[in-house]
C-alpha atoms as a PDB file:
ATOM      1  CA  MET A   1     135.150 171.464  92.756  1.00  0.00           C
ATOM      2  CA  GLY A   2     132.803 173.528  94.629  1.00  0.00           C
ATOM      3  CA  GLU A   3     132.192 173.372  98.162  1.00  0.00           C
ATOM      4  CA  ALA A   4     128.710 171.303  97.782  1.00  0.00           C
ATOM      5  CA  ALA A   5     130.755 168.965  95.272  1.00  0.00           C
ATOM      6  CA  PHE A   6     133.207 168.352  97.318  1.00  0.00           C
ATOM      7  CA  GLU A   7     130.753 167.831 100.545  1.00  0.00           C
ATOM      8  CA  GLU A   8     129.010 165.257  98.135  1.00  0.00           C
ATOM      9  CA  ALA A   9     132.168 163.281  97.061  1.00  0.00           C
ATOM     10  CA  PHE A  10     133.562 163.265 100.228  1.00  0.00           C
ATOM     11  CA  ARG A  11     130.045 161.987 101.934  1.00  0.00           C
ATOM     12  CA  GLN A  12     130.283 159.076  99.060  1.00  0.00           C
ATOM     13  CA  ARG A  13     133.652 158.417  99.520  1.00  0.00           C
ATOM     14  CA  TYR A  14     134.183 157.881 103.270  1.00  0.00           C
ATOM     15  CA  GLY A  15     130.729 157.851 104.551  1.00  0.00           C
ATOM     16  CA  ILE A  16     130.530 160.871 106.468  1.00  0.00           C
ATOM     17  CA  VAL A  17     130.395 164.487 106.337  1.00  0.00           C
ATOM     18  CA  PRO A  18     134.176 166.432 105.857  1.00  0.00           C
ATOM     19  CA  LYS A  19     134.679 168.265 108.797  1.00  0.00           C
ATOM     20  CA  LEU A  20     138.417 169.554 109.082  1.00  0.00           C
ATOM     21  CA  ASP A  21     139.577 167.769 112.430  1.00  0.00           C
ATOM     22  CA  GLY A  22     138.280 164.856 110.350  1.00  0.00           C
ATOM     23  CA  MET A  23     140.185 165.220 107.112  1.00  0.00           C
ATOM     24  CA  LEU A  24     143.702 166.019 109.241  1.00  0.00           C
ATOM     25  CA  LEU A  25     143.217 163.160 111.203  1.00  0.00           C
ATOM     26  CA  MET A  26     142.849 161.126 108.213  1.00  0.00           C
ATOM     27  CA  ILE A  27     145.950 162.506 106.451  1.00  0.00           C
ATOM     28  CA  GLY A  28     147.788 162.005 109.594  1.00  0.00           C
ATOM     29  CA  VAL A  29     146.988 158.094 109.207  1.00  0.00           C
ATOM     30  CA  ASP A  30     147.989 158.343 105.628  1.00  0.00           C
ATOM     31  CA  VAL A  31     151.317 160.055 106.472  1.00  0.00           C
ATOM     32  CA  LEU A  32     152.133 157.676 109.375  1.00  0.00           C
ATOM     33  CA  GLY A  33     150.957 154.462 107.935  1.00  0.00           C
ATOM     34  CA  TYR A  34     148.944 153.211 110.749  1.00  0.00           C
ATOM     35  CA  TRP A  35     146.703 153.513 113.061  1.00  0.00           C
ATOM     36  CA  PRO A  36     149.149 153.779 116.574  1.00  0.00           C
ATOM     37  CA  GLU A  37     148.343 152.283 119.978  1.00  0.00           C
ATOM     38  CA  GLY A  38     148.377 154.647 123.162  1.00  0.00           C
ATOM     39  CA  ALA A  39     145.889 156.792 124.987  1.00  0.00           C
ATOM     40  CA  GLU A  40     142.971 157.650 121.711  1.00  0.00           C
ATOM     41  CA  LYS A  41     142.682 160.579 122.578  1.00  0.00           C
ATOM     42  CA  ILE A  42     146.577 161.989 122.644  1.00  0.00           C
ATOM     43  CA  ILE A  43     146.645 159.902 119.439  1.00  0.00           C
ATOM     44  CA  LYS A  44     143.866 161.436 117.545  1.00  0.00           C
ATOM     45  CA  GLN A  45     145.816 164.889 118.580  1.00  0.00           C
ATOM     46  CA  ASP A  46     148.932 163.869 117.364  1.00  0.00           C
ATOM     47  CA  LEU A  47     147.552 162.585 113.962  1.00  0.00           C
ATOM     48  CA  ILE A  48     145.645 165.390 113.467  1.00  0.00           C
ATOM     49  CA  VAL A  49     148.840 168.007 114.068  1.00  0.00           C
ATOM     50  CA  LEU A  50     151.069 165.168 111.566  1.00  0.00           C
ATOM     51  CA  GLY A  51     148.442 166.008 109.183  1.00  0.00           C
ATOM     52  CA  ALA A  52     148.723 169.850 109.059  1.00  0.00           C
ATOM     53  CA  TRP A  53     152.130 169.268 108.694  1.00  0.00           C
ATOM     54  CA  ARG A  54     151.284 167.407 105.877  1.00  0.00           C
ATOM     55  CA  LEU A  55     149.504 169.781 104.151  1.00  0.00           C
ATOM     56  CA  LEU A  56     152.090 172.502 105.338  1.00  0.00           C
ATOM     57  CA  GLU A  57     154.848 170.387 103.444  1.00  0.00           C
ATOM     58  CA  TRP A  58     152.205 169.735  99.919  1.00  0.00           C
ATOM     59  CA  ARG A  59     151.369 173.569 100.094  1.00  0.00           C
ATOM     60  CA  GLY A  60     155.674 174.219 100.270  1.00  0.00           C
ATOM     61  CA  TYR A  61     155.659 175.445 103.923  1.00  0.00           C
ATOM     62  CA  ALA A  62     157.496 172.919 105.665  1.00  0.00           C
ATOM     63  CA  VAL A  63     159.929 170.010 104.718  1.00  0.00           C
ATOM     64  CA  ARG A  64     159.737 166.815 106.617  1.00  0.00           C
ATOM     65  CA  ARG A  65     163.604 166.305 108.067  1.00  0.00           C
ATOM     66  CA  GLY A  66     163.432 162.503 108.900  1.00  0.00           C
ATOM     67  CA  THR A  67     162.043 160.329 111.916  1.00  0.00           C
ATOM     68  CA  ASP A  68     161.743 160.177 116.111  1.00  0.00           C
ATOM     69  CA  ALA A  69     162.441 157.717 117.917  1.00  0.00           C
ATOM     70  CA  GLU A  70     159.295 156.416 117.878  1.00  0.00           C
ATOM     71  CA  GLY A  71     158.848 156.499 113.427  1.00  0.00           C
ATOM     72  CA  TRP A  72     156.777 159.424 113.771  1.00  0.00           C
ATOM     73  CA  PRO A  73     157.627 162.082 111.129  1.00  0.00           C
ATOM     74  CA  LEU A  74     159.493 165.619 111.944  1.00  0.00           C
ATOM     75  CA  TYR A  75     158.841 168.841 109.804  1.00  0.00           C
ATOM     76  CA  GLU A  76     160.284 172.142 110.130  1.00  0.00           C
ATOM     77  CA  LEU A  77     159.005 175.445 108.819  1.00  0.00           C
ATOM     78  CA  THR A  78     160.794 176.797 105.094  1.00  0.00           C
ATOM     79  CA  ARG A  79     158.650 179.688 105.242  1.00  0.00           C
ATOM     80  CA  PRO A  80     156.305 182.274 106.739  1.00  0.00           C
ATOM     81  CA  LEU A  81     153.227 180.817 106.824  1.00  0.00           C
ATOM     82  CA  PRO A  82     150.723 182.702 105.076  1.00  0.00           C
ATOM     83  CA  TYR A  83     148.243 183.805 108.131  1.00  0.00           C
ATOM     84  CA  GLN A  84     148.807 185.703 110.884  1.00  0.00           C
ATOM     85  CA  HIS A  85     145.519 184.717 113.289  1.00  0.00           C
ATOM     86  CA  PRO A  86     144.430 181.948 114.170  1.00  0.00           C
ATOM     87  CA  GLU A  87     140.929 182.424 112.407  1.00  0.00           C
ATOM     88  CA  LYS A  88     143.383 182.187 109.390  1.00  0.00           C
ATOM     89  CA  GLU A  89     145.086 179.225 110.243  1.00  0.00           C
ATOM     90  CA  THR A  90     141.582 177.339 110.084  1.00  0.00           C
ATOM     91  CA  ASP A  91     140.300 178.876 107.011  1.00  0.00           C
ATOM     92  CA  PHE A  92     144.147 178.124 105.317  1.00  0.00           C
ATOM     93  CA  LEU A  93     144.099 174.582 106.465  1.00  0.00           C
ATOM     94  CA  GLU A  94     140.055 173.723 105.582  1.00  0.00           C
ATOM     95  CA  GLN A  95     140.686 175.469 101.652  1.00  0.00           C
ATOM     96  CA  THR A  96     144.140 172.596 101.715  1.00  0.00           C
ATOM     97  CA  ALA A  97     142.743 169.970 103.157  1.00  0.00           C
ATOM     98  CA  ARG A  98     139.690 170.079 100.353  1.00  0.00           C
ATOM     99  CA  ALA A  99     142.467 170.638  97.601  1.00  0.00           C
ATOM    100  CA  TYR A 100     144.163 168.125  98.575  1.00  0.00           C
ATOM    101  CA  PHE A 101     141.738 165.301  98.788  1.00  0.00           C
ATOM    102  CA  THR A 102     140.101 166.168  95.519  1.00  0.00           C
ATOM    103  CA  GLU A 103     143.821 166.157  94.167  1.00  0.00           C
ATOM    104  CA  ILE A 104     143.948 162.410  95.603  1.00  0.00           C
ATOM    105  CA  TRP A 105     140.650 161.631  93.746  1.00  0.00           C
ATOM    106  CA  ARG A 106     141.867 163.130  90.682  1.00  0.00           C
ATOM    107  CA  ASN A 107     145.501 161.065  90.805  1.00  0.00           C
ATOM    108  CA  LEU A 108     143.301 157.869  91.613  1.00  0.00           C
ATOM    109  CA  GLY A 109     140.935 158.390  89.057  1.00  0.00           C
ATOM    110  CA  SER A 110     143.467 158.459  86.612  1.00  0.00           C
ATOM    111  CA  ALA A 111     145.453 155.265  87.572  1.00  0.00           C
ATOM    112  CA  CYS A 112     145.769 152.574  86.039  1.00  0.00           C
ATOM    113  CA  PRO A 113     145.382 149.017  88.063  1.00  0.00           C
ATOM    114  CA  ARG A 114     148.515 146.947  88.402  1.00  0.00           C
ATOM    115  CA  ASP A 115     148.263 143.465  86.501  1.00  0.00           C
ATOM    116  CA  HIS A 116     149.141 140.260  88.709  1.00  0.00           C
END
């Protein structure tokens, strides 16, 4: 999916322009499964970091090793990251987040609703 098509699909689904921090925040909330209580700025930062770890896991650079005492997932790097400079990290995470959402949408499109 091209960049313009992705941005339009994201806007249609979520009503906002796709920005890296926002995508990572959404992924972090999905991984954790809820919005935790606490200082909002710190929680947002922690959820963004959690989203980045989930993308690294999805691409095979990290594995989940359990949870901490508060129920937050713990990850560990399993191989060197594919970038060496901070500006490359942003590019990698943005491209990976876009691919992650695109795959989710593709899977949602082929999912069958459950019978109740």
